[in-house]
Amino acid sequence: MTAYFLVNHQEYFATGFIVNNGTAYIDTGAGLDVAVTVKADSSADAKAELYRQVFTHPAAGSEPATLTESEHVQLTQKLDEGFTLTSTDGLESC
């Protein structure tokens, strides 16, 4: 099985979500230790599970701790447009 992550153009990993002043954002972090991750046989299975993890992991300070349907749609669009599914295939240990 391969480990998968969601990475944005700034090379930050998706870690969950945050809602602040009525606007939903993807929460990110710089390390693999905080990234949402999944081991899967296919990238399609991995993507669905990673999105589910993002939608169910509110960052500290998120108000509220759950997403509305419109926030869910908004974050799906942000993930589709701003994040790439990345795997550990072909990577070597340092």
Protein backbone atom coordinates (compact mmCIF):
# COMPACT_ATOMS: atom_id res chain seq x y z
CA MET A 1 0.00 0.00 0.00
CA THR A 2 1.05 3.56 -0.66
CA ALA A 3 0.78 6.54 1.70
CA TYR A 4 -1.02 9.57 0.23
CA PHE A 5 -1.21 13.24 1.26
CA LEU A 6 -2.78 16.47 0.01
CA VAL A 7 -0.21 19.19 -0.77
CA ASN A 8 -0.81 22.79 -1.94
CA HIS A 9 1.34 24.90 -4.27
CA GLN A 10 3.27 26.29 -1.28
CA GLU A 11 4.18 22.72 -0.29
CA TYR A 12 2.04 22.72 2.84
CA PHE A 13 0.03 19.63 3.77
CA ALA A 14 -3.71 19.68 4.41
CA THR A 15 -4.39 18.99 8.09
CA GLY A 16 -8.10 19.74 8.50
CA PHE A 17 -10.37 22.77 8.34
CA ILE A 18 -11.03 25.97 10.20
CA VAL A 19 -14.12 28.17 10.17
CA ASN A 20 -13.45 31.75 11.22
CA ASN A 21 -15.96 34.62 11.02
CA GLY A 22 -18.27 32.53 8.86
CA THR A 23 -15.64 31.60 6.26
CA ALA A 24 -14.24 28.08 5.85
CA TYR A 25 -10.57 27.47 5.12
CA ILE A 26 -8.32 24.45 4.65
CA ASP A 27 -5.95 24.24 7.60
CA THR A 28 -2.37 23.38 6.61
CA GLY A 29 0.89 22.41 8.22
CA ALA A 30 4.50 22.06 7.20
CA GLY A 31 5.18 18.55 8.44
CA LEU A 32 4.04 15.05 7.66
CA ASP A 33 3.43 14.53 11.36
CA VAL A 34 0.36 16.84 11.19
CA ALA A 35 -0.84 16.03 7.66
CA VAL A 36 -3.96 14.02 6.95
CA THR A 37 -2.71 10.78 5.48
CA VAL A 38 -4.04 7.47 4.29
CA LYS A 39 -2.55 4.24 3.02
CA ALA A 40 -4.47 2.95 0.02
CA ASP A 41 -4.16 0.76 -3.05
CA SER A 42 -5.39 3.45 -5.44
CA SER A 43 -5.28 7.23 -5.68
CA ALA A 44 -9.08 7.40 -6.11
CA ASP A 45 -9.66 5.61 -2.81
CA ALA A 46 -7.01 7.77 -1.14
CA LYS A 47 -8.50 11.05 -2.36
CA ALA A 48 -11.97 10.27 -1.02
CA GLU A 49 -10.60 9.28 2.38
CA LEU A 50 -8.27 12.29 2.62
CA TYR A 51 -11.14 14.67 1.85
CA ARG A 52 -13.24 12.94 4.55
CA GLN A 53 -10.40 13.40 7.04
CA VAL A 54 -10.07 17.11 6.21
CA PHE A 55 -13.83 17.60 6.68
CA THR A 56 -13.84 15.88 10.08
CA HIS A 57 -10.73 17.45 11.66
CA PRO A 58 -11.42 21.00 12.89
CA ALA A 59 -8.38 23.04 13.81
CA ALA A 60 -8.10 24.47 17.30
CA GLY A 61 -10.17 27.63 17.42
CA SER A 62 -12.52 26.67 14.61
CA GLU A 63 -16.00 28.04 15.19
CA PRO A 64 -17.98 25.80 14.91
CA ALA A 65 -16.33 22.39 14.95
CA THR A 66 -18.54 20.98 12.18
CA LEU A 67 -19.15 22.09 8.60
CA THR A 68 -22.43 23.17 7.06
CA GLU A 69 -23.35 21.80 3.63
CA SER A 70 -22.30 25.05 1.91
CA GLU A 71 -18.94 25.07 3.76
CA HIS A 72 -18.44 21.45 2.74
CA VAL A 73 -19.01 22.38 -0.92
CA GLN A 74 -16.74 25.41 -0.59
CA LEU A 75 -13.90 23.36 0.89
CA THR A 76 -14.30 20.60 -1.71
CA GLN A 77 -13.77 23.24 -4.39
CA LYS A 78 -10.73 24.64 -2.55
CA LEU A 79 -9.22 21.15 -2.25
CA ASP A 80 -9.90 20.38 -5.93
CA GLU A 81 -8.36 23.65 -7.10
CA GLY A 82 -5.51 24.18 -4.67
CA PHE A 83 -4.24 20.77 -3.57
CA THR A 84 -2.52 17.89 -5.30
CA LEU A 85 -2.73 14.27 -4.26
CA THR A 86 0.86 13.19 -3.52
CA SER A 87 2.16 9.77 -2.61
CA THR A 88 5.30 8.28 -1.14
CA ASP A 89 5.86 6.10 -4.24
CA GLY A 90 9.39 6.49 -5.48
CA LEU A 91 10.59 8.47 -2.47
CA GLU A 92 13.73 7.35 -0.68
CA SER A 93 14.52 7.78 2.99
CA CYS A 94 17.04 10.44 3.86
